[in-house]
C-alpha atoms as a PDB file:
ATOM      1  CA  MET A   1       0.000   0.000   0.000  1.00  0.00           C
ATOM      2  CA  THR A   2       1.143   3.559  -0.681  1.00  0.00           C
ATOM      3  CA  LYS A   3       0.449   6.523   1.549  1.00  0.00           C
ATOM      4  CA  ASN A   4      -3.187   7.462   2.231  1.00  0.00           C
ATOM      5  CA  ASN A   5      -4.000   3.730   2.025  1.00  0.00           C
ATOM      6  CA  VAL A   6      -4.217   3.842  -1.789  1.00  0.00           C
ATOM      7  CA  PRO A   7      -3.203   0.445  -3.256  1.00  0.00           C
ATOM      8  CA  LYS A   8      -0.057   0.406  -5.345  1.00  0.00           C
ATOM      9  CA  LEU A   9      -0.567   0.216  -9.098  1.00  0.00           C
ATOM     10  CA  VAL A  10       1.251  -2.707 -10.695  1.00  0.00           C
ATOM     11  CA  THR A  11       1.457  -2.950 -14.486  1.00  0.00           C
ATOM     12  CA  VAL A  12       1.795  -6.482 -15.854  1.00  0.00           C
ATOM     13  CA  PHE A  13       2.953  -6.849 -19.453  1.00  0.00           C
ATOM     14  CA  GLY A  14       1.630 -10.168 -20.772  1.00  0.00           C
ATOM     15  CA  GLY A  15      -0.844 -10.492 -17.907  1.00  0.00           C
ATOM     16  CA  SER A  16      -3.337 -12.578 -19.883  1.00  0.00           C
ATOM     17  CA  GLY A  17      -0.923 -15.417 -20.658  1.00  0.00           C
ATOM     18  CA  PHE A  18      -0.311 -18.715 -18.892  1.00  0.00           C
ATOM     19  CA  VAL A  19       1.894 -17.276 -16.147  1.00  0.00           C
ATOM     20  CA  GLY A  20       0.275 -13.841 -16.325  1.00  0.00           C
ATOM     21  CA  ARG A  21      -3.184 -14.887 -15.151  1.00  0.00           C
ATOM     22  CA  HIS A  22      -1.676 -16.473 -12.046  1.00  0.00           C
ATOM     23  CA  VAL A  23       0.436 -13.380 -11.365  1.00  0.00           C
ATOM     24  CA  VAL A  24      -2.667 -11.182 -11.673  1.00  0.00           C
ATOM     25  CA  ARG A  25      -4.501 -13.422  -9.190  1.00  0.00           C
ATOM     26  CA  ALA A  26      -1.611 -13.292  -6.700  1.00  0.00           C
ATOM     27  CA  LEU A  27      -1.427  -9.491  -6.947  1.00  0.00           C
ATOM     28  CA  ALA A  28      -5.202  -9.076  -6.654  1.00  0.00           C
ATOM     29  CA  ARG A  29      -5.238 -11.097  -3.441  1.00  0.00           C
ATOM     30  CA  ARG A  30      -2.696  -8.660  -2.041  1.00  0.00           C
ATOM     31  CA  GLY A  31      -4.987  -5.718  -2.786  1.00  0.00           C
ATOM     32  CA  TYR A  32      -2.975  -4.092  -5.578  1.00  0.00           C
ATOM     33  CA  ASN A  33      -4.585  -2.229  -8.433  1.00  0.00           C
ATOM     34  CA  ILE A  34      -3.491  -4.025 -11.590  1.00  0.00           C
ATOM     35  CA  ARG A  35      -3.020  -2.697 -15.115  1.00  0.00           C
ATOM     36  CA  VAL A  36      -2.812  -5.585 -17.569  1.00  0.00           C
ATOM     37  CA  ALA A  37      -0.862  -4.480 -20.643  1.00  0.00           C
ATOM     38  CA  VAL A  38      -1.654  -6.733 -23.623  1.00  0.00           C
ATOM     39  CA  ARG A  39      -2.062  -6.562 -27.392  1.00  0.00           C
ATOM     40  CA  ARG A  40      -5.742  -7.571 -27.232  1.00  0.00           C
ATOM     41  CA  PRO A  41      -7.491  -6.045 -24.177  1.00  0.00           C
ATOM     42  CA  ASP A  42     -10.827  -7.324 -25.507  1.00  0.00           C
ATOM     43  CA  LEU A  43      -9.706 -10.884 -24.763  1.00  0.00           C
ATOM     44  CA  THR A  44      -8.964 -10.336 -21.061  1.00  0.00           C
ATOM     45  CA  GLY A  45     -12.476 -10.510 -19.626  1.00  0.00           C
ATOM     46  CA  PHE A  46     -11.671 -13.758 -17.819  1.00  0.00           C
ATOM     47  CA  LEU A  47      -9.298 -11.827 -15.530  1.00  0.00           C
ATOM     48  CA  GLN A  48     -11.998  -9.572 -14.063  1.00  0.00           C
ATOM     49  CA  PRO A  49     -13.446 -12.090 -11.547  1.00  0.00           C
ATOM     50  CA  MET A  50      -9.983 -12.407  -9.966  1.00  0.00           C
ATOM     51  CA  GLY A  51     -10.375  -9.016  -8.274  1.00  0.00           C
ATOM     52  CA  ASN A  52     -12.891  -6.465  -7.084  1.00  0.00           C
ATOM     53  CA  VAL A  53     -14.784  -4.154  -9.431  1.00  0.00           C
ATOM     54  CA  GLY A  54     -12.307  -1.817 -11.094  1.00  0.00           C
ATOM     55  CA  GLN A  55      -9.260  -3.460  -9.503  1.00  0.00           C
ATOM     56  CA  ILE A  56      -8.043  -5.065 -12.746  1.00  0.00           C
ATOM     57  CA  VAL A  57      -7.963  -2.924 -15.896  1.00  0.00           C
ATOM     58  CA  ALA A  58      -6.656  -4.007 -19.301  1.00  0.00           C
ATOM     59  CA  VAL A  59      -4.861  -1.565 -21.611  1.00  0.00           C
ATOM     60  CA  GLN A  60      -3.493  -1.971 -25.120  1.00  0.00           C
ATOM     61  CA  ALA A  61       0.273  -2.278 -25.395  1.00  0.00           C
ATOM     62  CA  ASN A  62       2.656  -3.877 -27.858  1.00  0.00           C
ATOM     63  CA  LEU A  63       6.339  -4.222 -26.998  1.00  0.00           C
ATOM     64  CA  ARG A  64       7.174  -3.360 -30.605  1.00  0.00           C
ATOM     65  CA  ASN A  65       5.453   0.017 -30.147  1.00  0.00           C
ATOM     66  CA  ARG A  66       7.451   2.135 -27.701  1.00  0.00           C
ATOM     67  CA  ALA A  67       4.710   4.759 -27.294  1.00  0.00           C
ATOM     68  CA  SER A  68       2.244   2.127 -26.093  1.00  0.00           C
ATOM     69  CA  VAL A  69       4.827   0.796 -23.607  1.00  0.00           C
ATOM     70  CA  ASP A  70       5.370   4.299 -22.200  1.00  0.00           C
ATOM     71  CA  ARG A  71       1.632   4.811 -21.769  1.00  0.00           C
ATOM     72  CA  ALA A  72       1.253   1.483 -19.950  1.00  0.00           C
ATOM     73  CA  VAL A  73       4.105   2.276 -17.532  1.00  0.00           C
ATOM     74  CA  GLN A  74       2.936   5.823 -16.792  1.00  0.00           C
ATOM     75  CA  GLY A  75       1.787   6.180 -13.179  1.00  0.00           C
ATOM     76  CA  SER A  76       2.850   2.667 -12.138  1.00  0.00           C
ATOM     77  CA  ASP A  77       4.525   1.857  -8.839  1.00  0.00           C
ATOM     78  CA  HIS A  78       5.931  -1.451 -10.103  1.00  0.00           C
ATOM     79  CA  VAL A  79       6.168  -3.132 -13.516  1.00  0.00           C
ATOM     80  CA  ILE A  80       6.330  -6.832 -14.325  1.00  0.00           C
ATOM     81  CA  ASN A  81       7.369  -8.013 -17.788  1.00  0.00           C
ATOM     82  CA  LEU A  82       6.235 -11.556 -18.572  1.00  0.00           C
ATOM     83  CA  VAL A  83       6.195 -11.342 -22.356  1.00  0.00           C
ATOM     84  CA  GLY A  84       8.003 -14.065 -24.279  1.00  0.00           C
ATOM     85  CA  VAL A  85       7.485 -16.383 -27.240  1.00  0.00           C
ATOM     86  CA  LEU A  86       8.345 -20.069 -27.605  1.00  0.00           C
ATOM     87  CA  PHE A  87       8.341 -19.898 -31.395  1.00  0.00           C
ATOM     88  CA  GLU A  88       8.331 -17.079 -33.922  1.00  0.00           C
ATOM     89  CA  LYS A  89       5.161 -15.960 -35.640  1.00  0.00           C
ATOM     90  CA  GLY A  90       5.117 -13.012 -38.029  1.00  0.00           C
ATOM     91  CA  ARG A  91       6.581  -9.852 -36.521  1.00  0.00           C
ATOM     92  CA  ASN A  92       6.497 -11.395 -33.046  1.00  0.00           C
ATOM     93  CA  ASN A  93       9.914 -12.935 -33.445  1.00  0.00           C
ATOM     94  CA  PHE A  94      12.474 -13.604 -30.740  1.00  0.00           C
ATOM     95  CA  ASP A  95      14.465 -10.410 -31.351  1.00  0.00           C
ATOM     96  CA  ASN A  96      11.438  -8.102 -31.348  1.00  0.00           C
ATOM     97  CA  VAL A  97       9.789  -9.558 -28.261  1.00  0.00           C
ATOM     98  CA  GLN A  98      12.568 -10.824 -25.999  1.00  0.00           C
ATOM     99  CA  ASP A  99      15.365  -8.375 -26.806  1.00  0.00           C
ATOM    100  CA  PHE A 100      13.870  -5.154 -28.207  1.00  0.00           C
ATOM    101  CA  GLY A 101      10.735  -5.534 -26.075  1.00  0.00           C
ATOM    102  CA  ALA A 102      12.682  -6.082 -22.868  1.00  0.00           C
ATOM    103  CA  ARG A 103      14.774  -2.991 -23.616  1.00  0.00           C
ATOM    104  CA  ALA A 104      11.651  -0.901 -24.273  1.00  0.00           C
ATOM    105  CA  VAL A 105      10.063  -1.850 -20.939  1.00  0.00           C
ATOM    106  CA  ALA A 106      13.296  -1.270 -19.001  1.00  0.00           C
ATOM    107  CA  GLU A 107      13.858   2.137 -20.631  1.00  0.00           C
ATOM    108  CA  ALA A 108      10.270   3.181 -19.905  1.00  0.00           C
ATOM    109  CA  CYS A 109      10.725   2.156 -16.258  1.00  0.00           C
ATOM    110  CA  ARG A 110      14.016   4.024 -15.963  1.00  0.00           C
ATOM    111  CA  ALA A 111      12.485   7.186 -17.427  1.00  0.00           C
ATOM    112  CA  ARG A 112       9.708   7.099 -14.817  1.00  0.00           C
ATOM    113  CA  LYS A 113      11.812   5.722 -11.950  1.00  0.00           C
ATOM    114  CA  VAL A 114       9.650   2.621 -11.600  1.00  0.00           C
ATOM    115  CA  ALA A 115      10.892  -0.711 -10.195  1.00  0.00           C
ATOM    116  CA  LEU A 116      10.907  -3.646 -12.626  1.00  0.00           C
ATOM    117  CA  THR A 117      10.612  -7.408 -12.318  1.00  0.00           C
ATOM    118  CA  HIS A 118      11.715  -9.073 -15.542  1.00  0.00           C
ATOM    119  CA  VAL A 119      10.846 -12.729 -16.149  1.00  0.00           C
ATOM    120  CA  SER A 120      13.419 -14.607 -18.224  1.00  0.00           C
ATOM    121  CA  ALA A 121      14.207 -18.346 -18.248  1.00  0.00           C
ATOM    122  CA  ILE A 122      16.829 -20.786 -17.006  1.00  0.00           C
ATOM    123  CA  GLY A 123      19.305 -21.212 -19.843  1.00  0.00           C
ATOM    124  CA  ALA A 124      19.172 -17.576 -20.986  1.00  0.00           C
ATOM    125  CA  ASP A 125      22.521 -16.888 -22.647  1.00  0.00           C
ATOM    126  CA  SER A 126      23.322 -14.110 -25.117  1.00  0.00           C
ATOM    127  CA  LYS A 127      25.883 -16.402 -26.804  1.00  0.00           C
ATOM    128  CA  SER A 128      23.622 -19.443 -27.140  1.00  0.00           C
ATOM    129  CA  GLU A 129      23.057 -21.163 -30.485  1.00  0.00           C
ATOM    130  CA  SER A 130      19.352 -21.207 -29.638  1.00  0.00           C
ATOM    131  CA  GLN A 131      17.592 -18.027 -30.755  1.00  0.00           C
ATOM    132  CA  TYR A 132      15.180 -18.303 -27.832  1.00  0.00           C
ATOM    133  CA  ALA A 133      17.957 -18.553 -25.230  1.00  0.00           C
ATOM    134  CA  ARG A 134      20.108 -15.963 -27.045  1.00  0.00           C
ATOM    135  CA  THR A 135      17.389 -13.297 -27.083  1.00  0.00           C
ATOM    136  CA  LYS A 136      16.391 -14.100 -23.496  1.00  0.00           C
ATOM    137  CA  GLY A 137      20.032 -13.517 -22.584  1.00  0.00           C
ATOM    138  CA  LEU A 138      20.225 -10.273 -24.569  1.00  0.00           C
ATOM    139  CA  GLY A 139      17.029  -9.107 -22.869  1.00  0.00           C
ATOM    140  CA  GLU A 140      18.518  -9.846 -19.443  1.00  0.00           C
ATOM    141  CA  ASP A 141      21.730  -8.018 -20.336  1.00  0.00           C
ATOM    142  CA  ALA A 142      19.766  -4.975 -21.509  1.00  0.00           C
ATOM    143  CA  VAL A 143      17.602  -4.892 -18.385  1.00  0.00           C
ATOM    144  CA  ARG A 144      20.626  -5.158 -16.050  1.00  0.00           C
ATOM    145  CA  HIS A 145      22.451  -2.391 -17.957  1.00  0.00           C
ATOM    146  CA  ILE A 146      19.471  -0.031 -18.068  1.00  0.00           C
ATOM    147  CA  LEU A 147      18.116  -0.824 -14.586  1.00  0.00           C
ATOM    148  CA  PRO A 148      20.814  -2.407 -12.373  1.00  0.00           C
ATOM    149  CA  GLY A 149      18.282  -2.684  -9.539  1.00  0.00           C
ATOM    150  CA  ALA A 150      15.783  -4.726 -11.575  1.00  0.00           C
ATOM    151  CA  THR A 151      14.810  -8.170 -10.305  1.00  0.00           C
ATOM    152  CA  ILE A 152      15.172 -11.018 -12.812  1.00  0.00           C
ATOM    153  CA  MET A 153      13.329 -14.323 -12.487  1.00  0.00           C
ATOM    154  CA  ARG A 154      14.517 -17.438 -14.324  1.00  0.00           C
ATOM    155  CA  PRO A 155      12.011 -20.306 -14.053  1.00  0.00           C
ATOM    156  CA  SER A 156      12.611 -23.839 -15.284  1.00  0.00           C
ATOM    157  CA  ILE A 157       9.838 -25.544 -17.261  1.00  0.00           C
ATOM    158  CA  ILE A 158       6.528 -24.393 -15.741  1.00  0.00           C
ATOM    159  CA  PHE A 159       3.596 -26.730 -15.153  1.00  0.00           C
ATOM    160  CA  GLY A 160      -0.014 -25.889 -14.410  1.00  0.00           C
ATOM    161  CA  PRO A 161      -3.524 -26.150 -15.893  1.00  0.00           C
ATOM    162  CA  GLU A 162      -2.708 -24.216 -19.072  1.00  0.00           C
ATOM    163  CA  ASP A 163       0.898 -25.386 -19.585  1.00  0.00           C
ATOM    164  CA  GLY A 164       2.283 -26.158 -23.020  1.00  0.00           C
ATOM    165  CA  PHE A 165       4.369 -29.172 -22.027  1.00  0.00           C
ATOM    166  CA  PHE A 166       2.417 -31.820 -20.130  1.00  0.00           C
ATOM    167  CA  ASN A 167      -0.846 -30.866 -21.862  1.00  0.00           C
ATOM    168  CA  LYS A 168       0.777 -31.151 -25.292  1.00  0.00           C
ATOM    169  CA  PHE A 169       2.231 -34.612 -24.738  1.00  0.00           C
ATOM    170  CA  ALA A 170      -0.926 -35.833 -22.995  1.00  0.00           C
ATOM    171  CA  GLU A 171      -2.924 -34.735 -26.042  1.00  0.00           C
ATOM    172  CA  MET A 172      -0.485 -36.590 -28.310  1.00  0.00           C
ATOM    173  CA  ALA A 173      -0.899 -39.707 -26.161  1.00  0.00           C
ATOM    174  CA  ARG A 174      -4.638 -39.734 -26.822  1.00  0.00           C
ATOM    175  CA  PHE A 175      -4.099 -40.553 -30.507  1.00  0.00           C
ATOM    176  CA  SER A 176      -0.514 -41.723 -31.004  1.00  0.00           C
ATOM    177  CA  PRO A 177       0.719 -45.204 -29.992  1.00  0.00           C
ATOM    178  CA  PHE A 178       4.176 -43.750 -29.320  1.00  0.00           C
ATOM    179  CA  LEU A 179       5.801 -40.566 -28.015  1.00  0.00           C
ATOM    180  CA  PRO A 180       9.174 -39.169 -29.087  1.00  0.00           C
ATOM    181  CA  LEU A 181      12.140 -38.992 -26.725  1.00  0.00           C
ATOM    182  CA  ILE A 182      14.119 -36.129 -28.240  1.00  0.00           C
ATOM    183  CA  GLY A 183      17.813 -36.930 -27.977  1.00  0.00           C
ATOM    184  CA  GLY A 184      17.008 -40.067 -26.028  1.00  0.00           C
ATOM    185  CA  GLY A 185      15.058 -38.227 -23.326  1.00  0.00           C
ATOM    186  CA  GLU A 186      18.058 -37.597 -21.082  1.00  0.00           C
ATOM    187  CA  THR A 187      17.708 -33.800 -20.772  1.00  0.00           C
ATOM    188  CA  ARG A 188      16.965 -32.852 -17.169  1.00  0.00           C
ATOM    189  CA  PHE A 189      14.205 -30.466 -16.072  1.00  0.00           C
ATOM    190  CA  GLN A 190      13.129 -29.077 -12.708  1.00  0.00           C
ATOM    191  CA  PRO A 191       9.385 -28.505 -13.260  1.00  0.00           C
ATOM    192  CA  VAL A 192       8.031 -25.627 -11.178  1.00  0.00           C
ATOM    193  CA  TYR A 193       4.361 -24.972 -10.399  1.00  0.00           C
ATOM    194  CA  VAL A 194       2.961 -21.832 -12.018  1.00  0.00           C
ATOM    195  CA  ALA A 195       1.370 -20.599  -8.770  1.00  0.00           C
ATOM    196  CA  ASP A 196       4.775 -20.812  -7.044  1.00  0.00           C
ATOM    197  CA  VAL A 197       6.316 -18.727  -9.842  1.00  0.00           C
ATOM    198  CA  ALA A 198       3.474 -16.204  -9.506  1.00  0.00           C
ATOM    199  CA  GLU A 199       4.023 -15.996  -5.747  1.00  0.00           C
ATOM    200  CA  ALA A 200       7.742 -15.308  -6.282  1.00  0.00           C
ATOM    201  CA  ILE A 201       6.933 -12.511  -8.738  1.00  0.00           C
ATOM    202  CA  ALA A 202       4.340 -11.027  -6.377  1.00  0.00           C
ATOM    203  CA  LYS A 203       6.911 -11.056  -3.556  1.00  0.00           C
ATOM    204  CA  SER A 204       9.133  -8.976  -5.796  1.00  0.00           C
ATOM    205  CA  ALA A 205       6.328  -6.436  -6.268  1.00  0.00           C
ATOM    206  CA  ASP A 206       5.904  -6.377  -2.477  1.00  0.00           C
ATOM    207  CA  GLY A 207       9.510  -5.241  -2.184  1.00  0.00           C
ATOM    208  CA  GLY A 208      10.284  -8.326  -0.150  1.00  0.00           C
ATOM    209  CA  LEU A 209      13.225  -9.465  -2.272  1.00  0.00           C
ATOM    210  CA  GLU A 210      16.693  -8.012  -2.580  1.00  0.00           C
ATOM    211  CA  SER A 211      16.766  -5.995  -5.798  1.00  0.00           C
ATOM    212  CA  GLY A 212      19.296  -6.463  -8.569  1.00  0.00           C
ATOM    213  CA  LYS A 213      19.448 -10.242  -8.195  1.00  0.00           C
ATOM    214  CA  ILE A 214      18.787 -13.081 -10.634  1.00  0.00           C
ATOM    215  CA  TRP A 215      16.528 -15.691  -9.032  1.00  0.00           C
ATOM    216  CA  GLU A 216      16.297 -19.230 -10.414  1.00  0.00           C
ATOM    217  CA  LEU A 217      12.985 -20.984  -9.870  1.00  0.00           C
ATOM    218  CA  GLY A 218      12.810 -24.758  -9.897  1.00  0.00           C
ATOM    219  CA  GLY A 219      10.517 -27.321  -8.336  1.00  0.00           C
ATOM    220  CA  VAL A 220      11.071 -30.113  -5.847  1.00  0.00           C
ATOM    221  CA  GLU A 221      12.281 -32.773  -8.287  1.00  0.00           C
ATOM    222  CA  VAL A 222      14.859 -32.930 -11.048  1.00  0.00           C
ATOM    223  CA  LEU A 223      13.484 -35.241 -13.748  1.00  0.00           C
ATOM    224  CA  SER A 224      14.721 -36.337 -17.160  1.00  0.00           C
ATOM    225  CA  PHE A 225      12.564 -35.748 -20.229  1.00  0.00           C
ATOM    226  CA  LYS A 226      11.847 -39.479 -20.218  1.00  0.00           C
ATOM    227  CA  GLN A 227      10.811 -39.462 -16.559  1.00  0.00           C
ATOM    228  CA  CYS A 228       8.474 -36.519 -17.204  1.00  0.00           C
ATOM    229  CA  LEU A 229       6.713 -38.431 -19.982  1.00  0.00           C
ATOM    230  CA  GLU A 230       6.550 -41.606 -17.907  1.00  0.00           C
ATOM    231  CA  PHE A 231       4.958 -39.738 -15.009  1.00  0.00           C
ATOM    232  CA  MET A 232       2.515 -38.036 -17.379  1.00  0.00           C
ATOM    233  CA  LEU A 233       1.488 -41.393 -18.894  1.00  0.00           C
ATOM    234  CA  GLU A 234       1.024 -42.900 -15.452  1.00  0.00           C
ATOM    235  CA  THR A 235      -1.150 -39.924 -14.504  1.00  0.00           C
ATOM    236  CA  ILE A 236      -3.435 -40.271 -17.528  1.00  0.00           C
ATOM    237  CA  ALA A 237      -3.491 -44.090 -17.252  1.00  0.00           C
ATOM    238  CA  ARG A 238      -2.211 -44.775 -20.768  1.00  0.00           C
ATOM    239  CA  LYS A 239       0.567 -47.041 -22.038  1.00  0.00           C
ATOM    240  CA  ARG A 240       2.591 -45.691 -24.931  1.00  0.00           C
ATOM    241  CA  VAL A 241       5.898 -46.666 -26.512  1.00  0.00           C
ATOM    242  CA  LEU A 242       8.646 -44.103 -25.941  1.00  0.00           C
ATOM    243  CA  ILE A 243      10.849 -43.961 -29.037  1.00  0.00           C
ATOM    244  CA  PRO A 244      14.301 -42.291 -28.848  1.00  0.00           C
ATOM    245  CA  VAL A 245      14.794 -39.695 -31.603  1.00  0.00           C
ATOM    246  CA  PRO A 246      18.441 -38.775 -32.406  1.00  0.00           C
ATOM    247  CA  TRP A 247      19.319 -35.073 -32.321  1.00  0.00           C
ATOM    248  CA  SER A 248      19.943 -34.933 -36.077  1.00  0.00           C
ATOM    249  CA  VAL A 249      16.531 -36.412 -36.867  1.00  0.00           C
ATOM    250  CA  ALA A 250      14.841 -34.148 -34.300  1.00  0.00           C
ATOM    251  CA  LYS A 251      16.387 -31.034 -35.888  1.00  0.00           C
ATOM    252  CA  PHE A 252      15.171 -32.154 -39.322  1.00  0.00           C
ATOM    253  CA  LEU A 253      11.654 -32.699 -37.949  1.00  0.00           C
ATOM    254  CA  GLY A 254      11.768 -29.324 -36.235  1.00  0.00           C
ATOM    255  CA  ARG A 255      12.652 -27.554 -39.477  1.00  0.00           C
ATOM    256  CA  ALA A 256       9.949 -29.420 -41.381  1.00  0.00           C
ATOM    257  CA  LEU A 257       7.195 -28.805 -38.820  1.00  0.00           C
ATOM    258  CA  SER A 258       8.058 -25.097 -38.680  1.00  0.00           C
ATOM    259  CA  LEU A 259       7.188 -24.802 -42.379  1.00  0.00           C
ATOM    260  CA  VAL A 260       3.548 -25.815 -41.870  1.00  0.00           C
ATOM    261  CA  PRO A 261       1.566 -22.554 -42.272  1.00  0.00           C
ATOM    262  CA  LEU A 262      -1.087 -21.294 -39.846  1.00  0.00           C
ATOM    263  CA  VAL A 263      -0.314 -24.031 -37.311  1.00  0.00           C
ATOM    264  CA  ASP A 264       1.610 -23.709 -34.057  1.00  0.00           C
ATOM    265  CA  PRO A 265       4.521 -26.130 -34.570  1.00  0.00           C
ATOM    266  CA  ALA A 266       4.685 -29.157 -32.288  1.00  0.00           C
ATOM    267  CA  LEU A 267       8.473 -28.905 -32.474  1.00  0.00           C
ATOM    268  CA  THR A 268      10.991 -26.439 -33.893  1.00  0.00           C
ATOM    269  CA  LYS A 269      14.707 -26.682 -34.606  1.00  0.00           C
ATOM    270  CA  ASP A 270      15.314 -24.029 -31.952  1.00  0.00           C
ATOM    271  CA  GLN A 271      13.469 -26.082 -29.331  1.00  0.00           C
ATOM    272  CA  VAL A 272      15.631 -29.082 -30.221  1.00  0.00           C
ATOM    273  CA  ILE A 273      18.741 -26.977 -29.611  1.00  0.00           C
ATOM    274  CA  LEU A 274      17.313 -25.928 -26.227  1.00  0.00           C
ATOM    275  CA  LEU A 275      16.705 -29.563 -25.298  1.00  0.00           C
ATOM    276  CA  GLN A 276      20.403 -30.307 -25.651  1.00  0.00           C
ATOM    277  CA  GLU A 277      21.063 -28.471 -22.373  1.00  0.00           C
ATOM    278  CA  ASP A 278      19.701 -29.306 -18.905  1.00  0.00           C
ATOM    279  CA  ASN A 279      17.096 -26.873 -17.576  1.00  0.00           C
ATOM    280  CA  ILE A 280      17.714 -26.910 -13.820  1.00  0.00           C
ATOM    281  CA  VAL A 281      18.620 -24.477 -11.056  1.00  0.00           C
ATOM    282  CA  SER A 282      22.361 -23.824 -10.978  1.00  0.00           C
ATOM    283  CA  GLU A 283      24.592 -24.760  -8.056  1.00  0.00           C
ATOM    284  CA  ALA A 284      25.528 -21.096  -7.670  1.00  0.00           C
ATOM    285  CA  ALA A 285      21.888 -20.057  -7.249  1.00  0.00           C
ATOM    286  CA  GLN A 286      21.345 -22.811  -4.691  1.00  0.00           C
ATOM    287  CA  SER A 287      24.418 -21.951  -2.632  1.00  0.00           C
ATOM    288  CA  GLU A 288      23.546 -18.235  -2.650  1.00  0.00           C
ATOM    289  CA  GLY A 289      19.886 -18.797  -1.796  1.00  0.00           C
ATOM    290  CA  ARG A 290      18.576 -17.303  -5.045  1.00  0.00           C
ATOM    291  CA  THR A 291      15.789 -19.893  -5.240  1.00  0.00           C
ATOM    292  CA  LEU A 292      12.182 -20.418  -4.164  1.00  0.00           C
ATOM    293  CA  ALA A 293      13.421 -21.786  -0.852  1.00  0.00           C
ATOM    294  CA  GLY A 294      15.561 -18.678  -0.423  1.00  0.00           C
ATOM    295  CA  MET A 295      12.386 -16.603  -0.762  1.00  0.00           C
ATOM    296  CA  GLY A 296      10.596 -18.697   1.830  1.00  0.00           C
ATOM    297  CA  ILE A 297       8.374 -20.422  -0.742  1.00  0.00           C
ATOM    298  CA  GLU A 298       7.842 -24.176  -0.408  1.00  0.00           C
ATOM    299  CA  ALA A 299       7.771 -25.657  -3.916  1.00  0.00           C
ATOM    300  CA  THR A 300       4.704 -27.676  -4.919  1.00  0.00           C
ATOM    301  CA  THR A 301       5.221 -31.214  -6.216  1.00  0.00           C
ATOM    302  CA  LEU A 302       4.131 -32.491  -9.608  1.00  0.00           C
ATOM    303  CA  GLU A 303       2.250 -35.308  -7.914  1.00  0.00           C
ATOM    304  CA  ALA A 304       0.056 -32.828  -6.047  1.00  0.00           C
ATOM    305  CA  ILE A 305      -1.046 -30.889  -9.134  1.00  0.00           C
ATOM    306  CA  LEU A 306      -0.667 -32.859 -12.376  1.00  0.00           C
ATOM    307  CA  PRO A 307      -3.623 -35.244 -11.827  1.00  0.00           C
ATOM    308  CA  SER A 308      -5.976 -32.320 -11.221  1.00  0.00           C
ATOM    309  CA  TYR A 309      -5.729 -31.009 -14.773  1.00  0.00           C
ATOM    310  CA  LEU A 310      -4.604 -34.033 -16.797  1.00  0.00           C
ATOM    311  CA  VAL A 311      -7.604 -36.103 -15.696  1.00  0.00           C
ATOM    312  CA  ARG A 312      -9.386 -35.081 -18.911  1.00  0.00           C
ATOM    313  CA  PHE A 313      -6.844 -37.086 -20.908  1.00  0.00           C
ATOM    314  CA  ARG A 314      -7.604 -40.361 -19.137  1.00  0.00           C
ATOM    315  CA  PRO A 315      -9.549 -42.879 -21.305  1.00  0.00           C
ATOM    316  CA  ALA A 316     -12.752 -42.346 -19.310  1.00  0.00           C
ATOM    317  CA  GLY A 317     -11.846 -39.121 -17.539  1.00  0.00           C
ATOM    318  CA  GLN A 318     -12.355 -39.192 -13.785  1.00  0.00           C
ATOM    319  CA  PHE A 319     -14.038 -42.588 -14.050  1.00  0.00           C
ATOM    320  CA  THR A 320     -10.958 -44.331 -15.461  1.00  0.00           C
ATOM    321  CA  LYS A 321      -9.719 -47.270 -13.408  1.00  0.00           C
ATOM    322  CA  ASP A 322      -6.106 -47.220 -12.233  1.00  0.00           C
ATOM    323  CA  GLN A 323      -4.845 -49.744 -14.776  1.00  0.00           C
ATOM    324  CA  ALA A 324      -3.300 -48.165 -17.876  1.00  0.00           C
ATOM    325  CA  ALA A 325      -4.937 -48.486 -21.286  1.00  0.00           C
END
């Protein structure tokens, strides 16, 4: 709260996305006024019930349009940038969104002396061969140069009701007798629950975290790609053959699938490159306490959440018997 008991105004870029809706909910529960900055404000009606009347307001903003970014930041007490893309589509490419866009938000915050929480990803590296990781790294570098006091969050793979990982492979398992193990399925992940990520971001808006740090957010367990798929199949009570796909073949498939027009690709060459590196919290972050535990947040397990939203993929939904089909 600010003086005179007026709630702080927090602007959330990308507040209608997978992570964004959970961040908006966490902020609303704290009593903040929330400005949701998105390209399509007309599609954000589902956010309104998360707060009181007038508490959540959507405004039009596009990170490629600096004037719209400035307008969205104006009058804010804190800004959160969640915008990112997993694959390129039209003008919303990696460079425009994750590098140029991050710079635009940071510059707008600096001009108005507003604190910033920037959400990146584990594996962000400005020298990476992956365009996703490279632009995430460039965005981080720009934010730290422009606003040294900005807080940066790096989550591992995020799971939750609207996630694009477990839901995607569970959907594939409904129709396909096999699932691909890219590179043999040995890549390690540290799946983190979306509500835990949202809580960490909200803590940053509270001013409860040391500014200028990079926080790495991972869950309770470190699992290989293969173990993630095995747990998902067990959860949806389906038996499927897991077929190892060599890196060279996976890259070819990624290039081919990216050429299909008007369809979100199931796999891209860039995602294959990303999968060649583990996606887990670093030893440095653990030793320095730059983790969920260091914030005082107890990470939620996959086992506690996954069945609640993957039940729809079971052969007979909630009425499916335990034995796999």
